[in-house]
Each structure stands twice: as C-alpha cells, then as structure tokens.
Amino acid sequence: QGVRHFQESVFPEHRESFERLANGQSPHTLFITCSDSRIDPALLTQSVPGELFVVRNAGNIVPPYGAGDGGGEGATIEYAVAALGVTNIVVCGHSHCGAMKGLLHPEAVTEMPQVASWLRQAETTRRLVQAFGRGEDSPAGALSTATHEEEDLLAYAVERNVLAQMGNLRTHPAVAAALALDKVHLYGWVYHLENGHVDAYDPATDRFVSLTAAEMDAPPRQV
C-alpha cells in the first residue's frame, strides 16, 4: 500500500527531482546510525533524497580500518568520502539502544552468537562504562549499580560509544586525509527517542549539549 501511494501520489509530485537524481548523487553528509526501527535519519534531519549517504547497523558501530569489515562499513565510508566528497560525517547514537544494552549485559545475547561477535567491536565502550560504573567494593570487571543506576550506565554507554566510533572513523585513511585537509567535518549526536531532542558533542566541555540550543549561539563544533 505504501509503495502504491508513493508511485501514484508522491513520485509524480517530485518527478523532476527524482529524474535529476537518476543522473547521479552528491550527498553532503555521511550519516552513521543504528538499525533501530525507531530512527529515521531523513525524518529526523528533514532531509530529502540525495542529501544523506547512510550507514546503519546495530549500535552505529564503525569497525577500525582493516578490522575484518565483513559488513561493508569500511567500503561505504571510503566511497562516501573519496568518491562522493561528503563534507560532513555524523555518528548518531540514540537513547534506549538495544545494542548498548547487550554490551552491558552480554548474558542477554549468548543465544545470538553473531550479535555477541559484532558487539565486541565496541570493546572500547564497554571498558569505558566499566570504569564509570565500577564501585569501590566491586570485583574487577563488574558493573556496579551502587553508584550509578542502570539508566545512567546505558546513557553513558550511548554517549561514549558515539565518541569511540568517531575515533575508529579516524583510522580510515580516506577520513583521516579528509580531516587533515579540512575537507570533512565530524560530529557526534545522540537522539532521544522519548522527546525528539538531539544532543551534540562539545569537545570544549567533553559533554553532549542540545544541538538546537547550541545552534542559536554558534555552529556546532566538529570533533
């Protein structure tokens, strides 16, 4: 029904734009986010076809360069930067992320070996959350809710994972070269499902702050 509506109503209204896009694409932004069905990058950013080049996977994970990228993330990133010449890269995590929950509770994904294997790509995030959540009396490697509630640990995991994946992005030669030449800008976002708010990472304060509030004062800072 949706396809029929698109073909009969939406496509004819935008026929000229679609015909132009058939001749090529020039997206301005590589948008890396989670596969979660509750996120729609185009809806969130109010973008139209041709503006966003999108990478989606569980946990918005970017494997480091050469780390056995069987999912195609590396090839997609390289193509976006080297061939399409995107000028922005956004890594967007989100609240209530199931992948991050699995990272915090590996016992929950023991019956899903491929999921467990994939989440090992976010080992840096796991270690950061471990350090954040470990109480004084906790055994080594244990997450403690004595000092931090589960919700706090998950929120921290979502934010630190965005930063960890941005770090992995810098290991990709095409991205590293484009950053060095100031041809691409890198941003970290967290989208909050429950209220529609988007927070952006501010490297000056090492905090995620409201993207729209920051926009009122100055353009968001790249990282």
Protein backbone atom coordinates (compact mmCIF):
# COMPACT_ATOMS: atom_id res chain seq x y z
CA GLN A 1 0.00 0.00 0.00
CA GLY A 2 2.85 2.34 0.81
CA VAL A 3 4.59 1.62 -2.49
CA ARG A 4 1.35 2.17 -4.39
CA HIS A 5 0.83 5.52 -2.66
CA PHE A 6 4.42 6.53 -3.46
CA GLN A 7 4.08 5.60 -7.14
CA GLU A 8 0.68 7.19 -7.62
CA SER A 9 0.98 10.33 -5.48
CA VAL A 10 4.46 11.08 -4.15
CA PHE A 11 6.64 10.30 -7.17
CA PRO A 12 4.59 12.33 -9.69
CA GLU A 13 4.74 15.36 -7.37
CA HIS A 14 8.54 15.17 -7.22
CA ARG A 15 9.20 13.64 -10.64
CA GLU A 16 11.69 16.34 -11.70
CA SER A 17 13.83 15.83 -8.60
CA PHE A 18 13.87 12.05 -8.97
CA GLU A 19 14.75 12.29 -12.66
CA ARG A 20 17.65 14.60 -11.79
CA LEU A 21 18.85 12.21 -9.06
CA ALA A 22 18.80 9.34 -11.57
CA ASN A 23 21.78 11.01 -13.25
CA GLY A 24 23.92 10.99 -10.11
CA GLN A 25 24.17 11.85 -6.43
CA SER A 26 26.07 14.43 -4.42
CA PRO A 27 25.10 13.98 -0.76
CA HIS A 28 26.57 16.48 1.67
CA THR A 29 26.55 14.21 4.74
CA LEU A 30 27.51 10.67 5.66
CA PHE A 31 25.07 9.73 8.42
CA ILE A 32 26.07 6.73 10.55
CA THR A 33 23.38 5.49 12.91
CA CYS A 34 21.75 2.44 14.45
CA SER A 35 19.50 -0.02 12.61
CA ASP A 36 16.82 0.59 15.25
CA SER A 37 13.41 0.89 13.56
CA ARG A 38 12.53 3.92 15.67
CA ILE A 39 15.12 6.10 13.92
CA ASP A 40 14.51 7.68 10.51
CA PRO A 41 17.55 9.81 9.53
CA ALA A 42 15.69 11.71 6.80
CA LEU A 43 12.73 12.43 9.07
CA LEU A 44 14.98 13.46 11.96
CA THR A 45 17.02 15.87 9.84
CA GLN A 46 14.20 16.83 7.49
CA SER A 47 16.36 15.86 4.53
CA VAL A 48 15.25 14.96 1.03
CA PRO A 49 16.53 12.15 -1.24
CA GLY A 50 20.07 12.85 -2.36
CA GLU A 51 21.24 14.67 0.77
CA LEU A 52 22.24 11.82 3.11
CA PHE A 53 24.50 8.83 2.47
CA VAL A 54 23.54 6.43 5.25
CA VAL A 55 25.30 3.63 7.13
CA ARG A 56 23.14 1.67 9.57
CA ASN A 57 23.96 -1.27 11.81
CA ALA A 58 23.35 -2.49 15.35
CA GLY A 59 24.87 0.08 17.69
CA ASN A 60 26.11 2.52 14.99
CA ILE A 61 29.47 0.78 15.14
CA VAL A 62 32.41 1.66 12.88
CA PRO A 63 34.99 -1.14 12.80
CA PRO A 64 38.57 0.22 12.81
CA TYR A 65 40.28 0.22 9.43
CA GLY A 66 41.34 -3.29 8.42
CA ALA A 67 39.46 -4.98 11.26
CA GLY A 68 37.76 -7.62 9.14
CA ASP A 69 34.97 -5.34 7.93
CA GLY A 70 32.68 -8.03 6.57
CA GLY A 71 29.63 -5.82 6.81
CA GLY A 72 30.79 -3.27 4.26
CA GLU A 73 31.03 -0.29 6.61
CA GLY A 74 34.61 0.48 5.56
CA ALA A 75 33.79 0.40 1.84
CA THR A 76 30.75 2.61 2.32
CA ILE A 77 32.69 5.15 4.38
CA GLU A 78 35.54 5.22 1.86
CA TYR A 79 33.16 5.69 -1.07
CA ALA A 80 31.26 8.48 0.69
CA VAL A 81 34.43 10.44 1.43
CA ALA A 82 36.70 9.64 -1.52
CA ALA A 83 34.18 9.29 -4.35
CA LEU A 84 31.17 11.36 -3.30
CA GLY A 85 33.09 14.02 -1.40
CA VAL A 86 30.74 14.39 1.55
CA THR A 87 31.68 17.39 3.69
CA ASN A 88 30.10 16.19 6.93
CA ILE A 89 30.09 12.92 8.86
CA VAL A 90 27.60 12.43 11.69
CA VAL A 91 27.74 9.48 14.10
CA CYS A 92 24.32 9.34 15.73
CA GLY A 93 23.54 7.11 18.71
CA HIS A 94 20.18 7.02 20.45
CA SER A 95 18.56 6.50 23.82
CA HIS A 96 17.26 3.05 24.85
CA CYS A 97 19.69 1.38 22.43
CA GLY A 98 19.31 -2.40 22.45
CA ALA A 99 22.85 -2.92 21.20
CA MET A 100 24.26 -0.96 24.13
CA LYS A 101 22.06 -2.95 26.50
CA GLY A 102 23.57 -6.10 25.04
CA LEU A 103 27.04 -4.64 25.50
CA LEU A 104 26.33 -4.01 29.19
CA HIS A 105 24.69 -7.41 29.66
CA PRO A 106 26.44 -9.95 27.40
CA GLU A 107 24.45 -12.74 29.01
CA ALA A 108 21.41 -11.39 27.15
CA VAL A 109 22.97 -12.16 23.75
CA THR A 110 24.59 -15.54 24.45
CA GLU A 111 22.00 -17.24 22.22
CA MET A 112 22.81 -14.79 19.41
CA PRO A 113 26.47 -15.52 18.57
CA GLN A 114 26.64 -13.14 15.63
CA VAL A 115 25.27 -10.30 17.73
CA ALA A 116 27.75 -11.09 20.51
CA SER A 117 30.61 -11.16 17.99
CA TRP A 118 29.53 -7.86 16.45
CA LEU A 119 29.31 -6.11 19.82
CA ARG A 120 32.93 -7.00 20.51
CA GLN A 121 33.70 -4.20 18.03
CA ALA A 122 32.53 -1.85 20.80
CA GLU A 123 35.01 -3.16 23.39
CA THR A 124 36.34 0.36 24.00
CA THR A 125 32.86 1.49 25.00
CA ARG A 126 32.43 -1.48 27.32
CA ARG A 127 35.69 -0.69 29.11
CA LEU A 128 34.78 2.97 29.50
CA VAL A 129 31.41 2.09 31.01
CA GLN A 130 33.11 -0.48 33.23
CA ALA A 131 35.41 2.22 34.62
CA PHE A 132 32.49 4.61 35.04
CA GLY A 133 30.27 2.12 36.82
CA ARG A 134 32.71 0.18 38.99
CA GLY A 135 32.14 0.73 42.70
CA GLU A 136 34.96 0.62 45.26
CA ASP A 137 33.88 -2.81 46.50
CA SER A 138 33.09 -4.26 43.08
CA PRO A 139 35.20 -7.13 41.79
CA ALA A 140 37.36 -6.29 38.80
CA GLY A 141 35.31 -6.21 35.63
CA ALA A 142 31.94 -5.90 37.38
CA LEU A 143 29.45 -3.17 36.67
CA SER A 144 28.00 -1.71 39.83
CA THR A 145 24.64 -0.02 40.21
CA ALA A 146 25.55 1.01 43.73
CA THR A 147 26.92 4.33 42.50
CA HIS A 148 25.08 4.58 39.17
CA GLU A 149 21.61 3.48 38.17
CA GLU A 150 21.19 1.19 35.18
CA GLU A 151 19.64 4.06 33.22
CA ASP A 152 22.71 6.22 33.85
CA LEU A 153 25.04 3.46 32.71
CA LEU A 154 23.08 2.99 29.49
CA ALA A 155 23.02 6.73 28.75
CA TYR A 156 26.77 6.90 29.40
CA ALA A 157 27.34 3.90 27.13
CA VAL A 158 25.36 5.51 24.30
CA GLU A 159 27.38 8.74 24.52
CA ARG A 160 30.81 7.14 24.91
CA ASN A 161 30.05 4.71 22.10
CA VAL A 162 29.45 7.61 19.73
CA LEU A 163 32.86 9.02 20.64
CA ALA A 164 34.56 5.62 20.38
CA GLN A 165 33.17 5.09 16.88
CA MET A 166 34.30 8.57 15.88
CA GLY A 167 37.76 7.52 17.00
CA ASN A 168 37.51 4.41 14.83
CA LEU A 169 36.49 6.58 11.89
CA ARG A 170 39.79 8.43 12.15
CA THR A 171 41.66 5.17 11.49
CA HIS A 172 40.20 5.03 7.97
CA PRO A 173 42.73 6.62 5.59
CA ALA A 174 40.13 8.40 3.46
CA VAL A 175 38.62 10.02 6.55
CA ALA A 176 41.96 10.83 8.17
CA ALA A 177 43.20 12.52 4.98
CA ALA A 178 39.97 14.49 4.51
CA LEU A 179 40.08 15.67 8.13
CA ALA A 180 43.73 16.72 7.80
CA LEU A 181 42.88 18.71 4.67
CA ASP A 182 39.80 20.22 6.34
CA LYS A 183 37.60 18.74 3.64
CA VAL A 184 35.24 16.99 6.03
CA HIS A 185 33.77 17.83 9.45
CA LEU A 186 33.00 15.18 12.05
CA TYR A 187 30.11 15.39 14.53
CA GLY A 188 28.71 13.20 17.32
CA TRP A 189 24.98 13.18 18.09
CA VAL A 190 22.63 11.39 20.46
CA TYR A 191 18.95 11.26 19.53
CA HIS A 192 16.45 10.87 22.38
CA LEU A 193 13.54 8.72 21.26
CA GLU A 194 11.23 9.82 24.04
CA ASN A 195 11.21 13.56 23.32
CA GLY A 196 12.82 14.13 19.92
CA HIS A 197 15.76 16.05 21.35
CA VAL A 198 19.19 15.78 19.76
CA ASP A 199 22.37 16.37 21.75
CA ALA A 200 25.69 17.12 20.05
CA TYR A 201 29.15 16.52 21.47
CA ASP A 202 31.00 19.65 22.54
CA PRO A 203 34.75 18.90 22.66
CA ALA A 204 35.41 22.06 24.69
CA THR A 205 33.45 20.69 27.65
CA ASP A 206 33.54 16.94 26.85
CA ARG A 207 29.75 16.93 27.15
CA PHE A 208 26.75 16.36 24.93
CA VAL A 209 24.63 19.50 24.78
CA SER A 210 21.40 20.40 22.99
CA LEU A 211 22.09 20.70 19.27
CA THR A 212 19.35 23.26 18.67
CA ALA A 213 20.32 25.37 21.69
CA ALA A 214 23.94 25.35 20.53
CA GLU A 215 22.84 26.39 17.05
CA MET A 216 21.29 29.56 18.43
CA ASP A 217 24.68 30.71 19.69
CA ALA A 218 27.15 29.26 17.21
CA PRO A 219 27.53 26.47 14.65
CA PRO A 220 28.08 23.03 16.20
CA ARG A 221 31.73 22.23 16.70
CA GLN A 222 33.30 19.42 14.80
CA VAL A 223 35.33 16.94 16.82
